[in-house]
């Protein structure tokens, strides 16, 4: 017999890393999208249900998609042409012709990457990634030149850092000697240090949940206190979940801090 069950109308459909304002989860409720603040001290109380494609947000609100691929199905996946560009291109986007910055980003305790961005977005981009320290290496006239330089530096430094690696160092600081040794091979135009206000003494437990007291965010990582433990959540892993009000009914691993 067909089920009478109606799918929940509320779904997490995106997130905002909150560089200029508070970070937020984007929640679609009967087609309307609202920003659920992730300011420190905010109480979240969402139970995660089934996960499927997050659909699409347009001028008319949110259009739901029931395809099971998450966070997005092929019909709703944006493919950024610059994602793996190494400068062998014809400047396909208008933004490619803007002035670009090449940078190094450091993630505690000793993970590094090279990257590029439009020069006016440099500090914003670093915060979006959750960098602990950074160095502005060069400014060039367009994205193609920047990608060529990035590709050359990446053979030694690397150009990607996975979220689990960022979570492993959330409670630590960048090793200064290793960072300074890396910078010795360059002549940075400027250096940066960032503080996300998480005040962690132990590494939080990696988990996928949307219930607890927000401690803060660092890039796309959400840090929550729940039941005496602290959890780190990759917000991308929340996208696509239908949610209902309430706390998680799953057994969650406790952090070491819960036993002290």
Protein backbone atom coordinates (compact mmCIF):
# COMPACT_ATOMS: atom_id res chain seq x y z
CA UNK A 1 0.00 0.00 0.00
CA UNK A 2 1.28 3.53 -0.68
CA UNK A 3 2.54 5.38 2.35
CA UNK A 4 0.52 8.27 3.74
CA UNK A 5 3.70 9.79 5.14
CA UNK A 6 4.45 13.26 3.82
CA UNK A 7 8.10 14.28 3.56
CA UNK A 8 9.19 17.00 5.98
CA UNK A 9 8.83 20.44 4.42
CA UNK A 10 11.93 21.77 6.20
CA UNK A 11 15.38 21.07 4.75
CA UNK A 12 18.91 22.38 5.21
CA UNK A 13 19.76 23.66 1.74
CA UNK A 14 23.04 25.50 2.24
CA UNK A 15 25.26 27.46 4.59
CA UNK A 16 27.00 30.81 4.84
CA UNK A 17 30.50 30.76 6.33
CA UNK A 18 29.80 34.19 7.79
CA UNK A 19 32.90 36.22 7.01
CA UNK A 20 31.22 39.63 7.15
CA UNK A 21 28.20 38.69 9.28
CA UNK A 22 27.26 35.77 11.50
CA UNK A 23 27.58 32.35 9.92
CA UNK A 24 24.26 30.70 9.14
CA UNK A 25 22.56 27.53 7.97
CA UNK A 26 20.19 28.13 5.08
CA UNK A 27 16.92 26.39 5.89
CA UNK A 28 14.08 25.99 3.40
CA UNK A 29 10.66 25.95 5.03
CA UNK A 30 7.76 25.33 2.62
CA UNK A 31 9.69 27.00 -0.19
CA UNK A 32 10.86 30.01 1.80
CA UNK A 33 14.55 30.21 2.71
CA UNK A 34 15.69 31.64 6.03
CA UNK A 35 19.16 32.08 7.50
CA UNK A 36 19.46 30.23 10.83
CA UNK A 37 22.09 32.20 12.75
CA UNK A 38 25.17 30.37 13.99
CA UNK A 39 26.34 33.18 16.26
CA UNK A 40 28.11 31.96 19.40
CA UNK A 41 25.57 31.01 22.07
CA UNK A 42 22.77 30.17 19.61
CA UNK A 43 20.78 27.05 20.51
CA UNK A 44 20.16 24.66 17.61
CA UNK A 45 17.53 21.97 17.93
CA UNK A 46 17.20 20.06 14.66
CA UNK A 47 16.84 16.30 14.32
CA UNK A 48 18.29 15.02 11.05
CA UNK A 49 15.92 12.87 9.02
CA UNK A 50 16.41 11.60 5.45
CA UNK A 51 19.01 13.18 3.18
CA UNK A 52 18.58 13.90 -0.51
CA UNK A 53 19.34 16.60 -3.09
CA UNK A 54 19.10 20.11 -1.66
CA UNK A 55 17.36 21.37 -4.78
CA UNK A 56 17.89 24.93 -5.92
CA UNK A 57 17.44 28.41 -4.47
CA UNK A 58 16.17 31.01 -6.89
CA UNK A 59 14.44 34.37 -6.90
CA UNK A 60 11.14 32.66 -6.16
CA UNK A 61 12.50 30.78 -3.15
CA UNK A 62 13.51 27.13 -2.84
CA UNK A 63 12.58 24.39 -5.30
CA UNK A 64 12.69 20.96 -3.69
CA UNK A 65 14.28 17.91 -5.36
CA UNK A 66 13.64 14.35 -4.21
CA UNK A 67 16.58 12.74 -6.03
CA UNK A 68 18.60 10.72 -3.55
CA UNK A 69 22.05 12.09 -4.44
CA UNK A 70 23.25 14.48 -1.74
CA UNK A 71 24.08 17.20 -1.23
CA UNK A 72 23.15 17.80 -4.88
CA UNK A 73 22.11 15.64 -7.82
CA UNK A 74 23.62 16.10 -11.28
CA UNK A 75 20.81 18.46 -12.28
CA UNK A 76 21.56 20.82 -9.40
CA UNK A 77 25.36 20.65 -9.19
CA UNK A 78 27.27 23.77 -10.19
CA UNK A 79 30.58 22.93 -11.82
CA UNK A 80 33.09 25.75 -11.37
CA UNK A 81 35.34 25.83 -14.47
CA UNK A 82 38.31 27.14 -12.45
CA UNK A 83 38.29 24.33 -9.88
CA UNK A 84 41.25 22.44 -11.36
CA UNK A 85 42.59 25.14 -13.69
CA UNK A 86 46.37 25.41 -14.00
CA UNK A 87 46.39 28.48 -16.23
CA UNK A 88 46.06 26.68 -19.57
CA UNK A 89 42.82 28.46 -20.38
CA UNK A 90 41.24 31.26 -22.40
CA UNK A 91 40.04 33.28 -19.37
CA UNK A 92 36.49 31.88 -19.67
CA UNK A 93 34.91 33.98 -16.90
CA UNK A 94 34.72 37.75 -16.61
CA UNK A 95 36.23 37.46 -13.12
CA UNK A 96 39.31 35.76 -14.62
CA UNK A 97 40.35 39.13 -16.02
CA UNK A 98 40.43 40.80 -12.61
CA UNK A 99 43.57 41.32 -10.55
CA UNK A 100 44.42 38.16 -8.58
CA UNK A 101 46.41 37.40 -5.44
CA UNK A 102 48.47 34.27 -4.81
CA UNK A 103 48.62 33.24 -1.16
CA UNK A 104 49.78 30.60 1.28
CA UNK A 105 47.35 29.44 3.97
CA UNK A 106 48.32 27.63 7.17
CA UNK A 107 46.11 25.33 9.24
CA UNK A 108 47.18 24.23 12.69
CA UNK A 109 49.47 22.68 13.52
CA UNK A 110 51.44 22.32 10.26
CA UNK A 111 49.27 21.90 7.16
CA UNK A 112 49.73 24.35 4.30
CA UNK A 113 48.31 25.13 0.87
CA UNK A 114 48.77 27.61 -1.93
CA UNK A 115 45.75 29.30 -3.44
CA UNK A 116 44.56 32.17 -5.60
CA UNK A 117 41.66 34.56 -5.42
CA UNK A 118 40.64 37.93 -6.77
CA UNK A 119 42.82 40.37 -4.86
CA UNK A 120 39.92 42.29 -3.32
CA UNK A 121 38.61 39.03 -1.79
CA UNK A 122 41.89 37.86 -0.26
CA UNK A 123 41.10 38.20 3.44
CA UNK A 124 37.52 37.04 2.89
CA UNK A 125 38.72 33.92 1.06
CA UNK A 126 41.18 33.07 3.82
CA UNK A 127 38.45 33.28 6.45
CA UNK A 128 36.08 31.22 4.30
CA UNK A 129 38.67 28.44 4.36
CA UNK A 130 39.28 28.76 8.10
CA UNK A 131 42.97 29.59 7.73
CA UNK A 132 44.89 30.21 10.95
CA UNK A 133 47.73 32.09 9.29
CA UNK A 134 48.36 33.27 5.76
CA UNK A 135 50.80 35.10 3.55
CA UNK A 136 50.05 37.21 0.47
CA UNK A 137 52.80 36.23 -1.94
CA UNK A 138 52.11 38.13 -5.17
CA UNK A 139 49.50 40.17 -7.02
CA UNK A 140 49.14 39.60 -10.78
CA UNK A 141 46.98 41.04 -13.52
CA UNK A 142 44.62 38.12 -14.14
CA UNK A 143 43.53 34.66 -13.05
CA UNK A 144 45.41 32.78 -15.76
CA UNK A 145 48.80 34.05 -14.61
CA UNK A 146 47.81 33.41 -10.99
CA UNK A 147 46.85 29.80 -11.76
CA UNK A 148 50.15 29.17 -13.52
CA UNK A 149 52.10 30.41 -10.51
CA UNK A 150 49.84 28.46 -8.14
CA UNK A 151 50.39 25.24 -10.09
CA UNK A 152 54.16 25.69 -9.87
CA UNK A 153 54.13 26.29 -6.09
CA UNK A 154 51.63 23.46 -5.53
CA UNK A 155 54.16 20.85 -6.65
CA UNK A 156 55.96 21.46 -3.34
CA UNK A 157 53.29 22.85 -1.02
CA UNK A 158 50.00 21.37 -2.22
CA UNK A 159 46.80 23.20 -3.10
CA UNK A 160 44.15 21.38 -1.06
CA UNK A 161 43.44 20.75 2.61
CA UNK A 162 40.65 18.37 3.53
CA UNK A 163 38.15 19.32 6.24
CA UNK A 164 39.11 16.37 8.51
CA UNK A 165 42.67 17.73 8.59
CA UNK A 166 41.35 21.15 9.61
CA UNK A 167 39.25 19.58 12.38
CA UNK A 168 42.24 17.66 13.75
CA UNK A 169 44.00 20.95 14.48
CA UNK A 170 41.05 23.02 15.76
CA UNK A 171 42.39 23.08 19.32
CA UNK A 172 45.98 23.81 18.32
CA UNK A 173 48.02 26.71 16.91
CA UNK A 174 50.25 26.84 13.87
CA UNK A 175 53.79 25.67 14.58
CA UNK A 176 55.75 28.91 14.16
CA UNK A 177 59.06 27.33 13.21
CA UNK A 178 57.55 25.25 10.40
CA UNK A 179 55.58 28.24 9.11
CA UNK A 180 58.57 30.56 9.14
CA UNK A 181 60.67 27.93 7.40
CA UNK A 182 58.10 27.77 4.60
CA UNK A 183 57.93 31.55 4.26
CA UNK A 184 61.72 31.74 4.02
CA UNK A 185 61.42 30.54 0.42
CA UNK A 186 59.22 33.52 -0.45
CA UNK A 187 59.09 37.26 0.11
CA UNK A 188 55.49 37.89 1.26
CA UNK A 189 53.80 41.21 0.66
CA UNK A 190 51.79 40.76 3.87
CA UNK A 191 51.05 38.13 6.52
CA UNK A 192 47.86 37.45 8.48
CA UNK A 193 46.77 35.75 11.70
CA UNK A 194 43.14 34.85 12.40
CA UNK A 195 41.31 34.05 15.63
CA UNK A 196 37.86 32.43 15.42
CA UNK A 197 37.12 32.62 19.14
CA UNK A 198 36.55 28.89 19.67
CA UNK A 199 38.68 28.61 22.84
CA UNK A 200 39.17 24.85 22.55
CA UNK A 201 41.45 22.94 24.91
CA UNK A 202 40.78 19.51 23.34
CA UNK A 203 40.05 18.33 19.83
CA UNK A 204 36.29 18.20 19.27
CA UNK A 205 34.65 15.01 18.06
CA UNK A 206 33.83 14.90 14.34
CA UNK A 207 30.09 14.36 14.00
CA UNK A 208 27.12 15.21 11.80
CA UNK A 209 24.46 16.88 13.91
CA UNK A 210 22.53 20.15 14.14
CA UNK A 211 21.60 20.24 17.82
CA UNK A 212 23.42 21.95 20.67
CA UNK A 213 24.88 25.28 21.68
CA UNK A 214 26.94 27.00 19.01
CA UNK A 215 30.48 27.69 20.16
CA UNK A 216 31.42 29.22 16.81
CA UNK A 217 32.44 28.50 13.25
CA UNK A 218 35.75 28.32 11.42
CA UNK A 219 35.32 28.31 7.68
CA UNK A 220 32.72 25.65 6.95
CA UNK A 221 33.30 23.88 10.29
CA UNK A 222 30.59 24.40 12.92
CA UNK A 223 31.54 23.76 16.54
CA UNK A 224 28.73 22.72 18.92
CA UNK A 225 28.55 21.91 22.63
CA UNK A 226 26.10 19.11 23.31
CA UNK A 227 25.63 16.97 26.43
CA UNK A 228 28.97 17.92 27.95
CA UNK A 229 30.94 17.22 24.79
CA UNK A 230 32.13 19.40 21.94
CA UNK A 231 31.56 18.45 18.31
CA UNK A 232 32.93 19.66 14.99
CA UNK A 233 30.52 19.51 12.07
CA UNK A 234 31.37 19.97 8.40
CA UNK A 235 28.41 22.13 7.37
CA UNK A 236 28.48 20.69 3.86
CA UNK A 237 27.61 17.33 5.43
CA UNK A 238 24.36 18.88 6.74
CA UNK A 239 23.20 20.13 3.34
CA UNK A 240 20.34 18.06 1.97
CA UNK A 241 18.97 16.77 5.27
CA UNK A 242 15.30 17.08 6.01
CA UNK A 243 14.98 18.23 9.61
CA UNK A 244 12.40 18.29 12.35
CA UNK A 245 12.54 20.11 15.65
CA UNK A 246 14.25 18.22 18.44
CA UNK A 247 17.61 16.87 19.52
CA UNK A 248 19.49 13.99 17.98
CA UNK A 249 18.25 10.52 18.94
CA UNK A 250 21.53 8.89 17.88
CA UNK A 251 24.23 7.79 20.30
CA UNK A 252 27.00 10.37 20.05
CA UNK A 253 30.64 9.77 20.91
CA UNK A 254 31.73 11.79 23.94
CA UNK A 255 34.79 14.00 23.86
CA UNK A 256 37.61 13.62 26.37
CA UNK A 257 36.50 16.87 28.00
CA UNK A 258 33.25 15.25 29.07
CA UNK A 259 35.14 13.01 31.50
CA UNK A 260 37.27 15.71 33.14
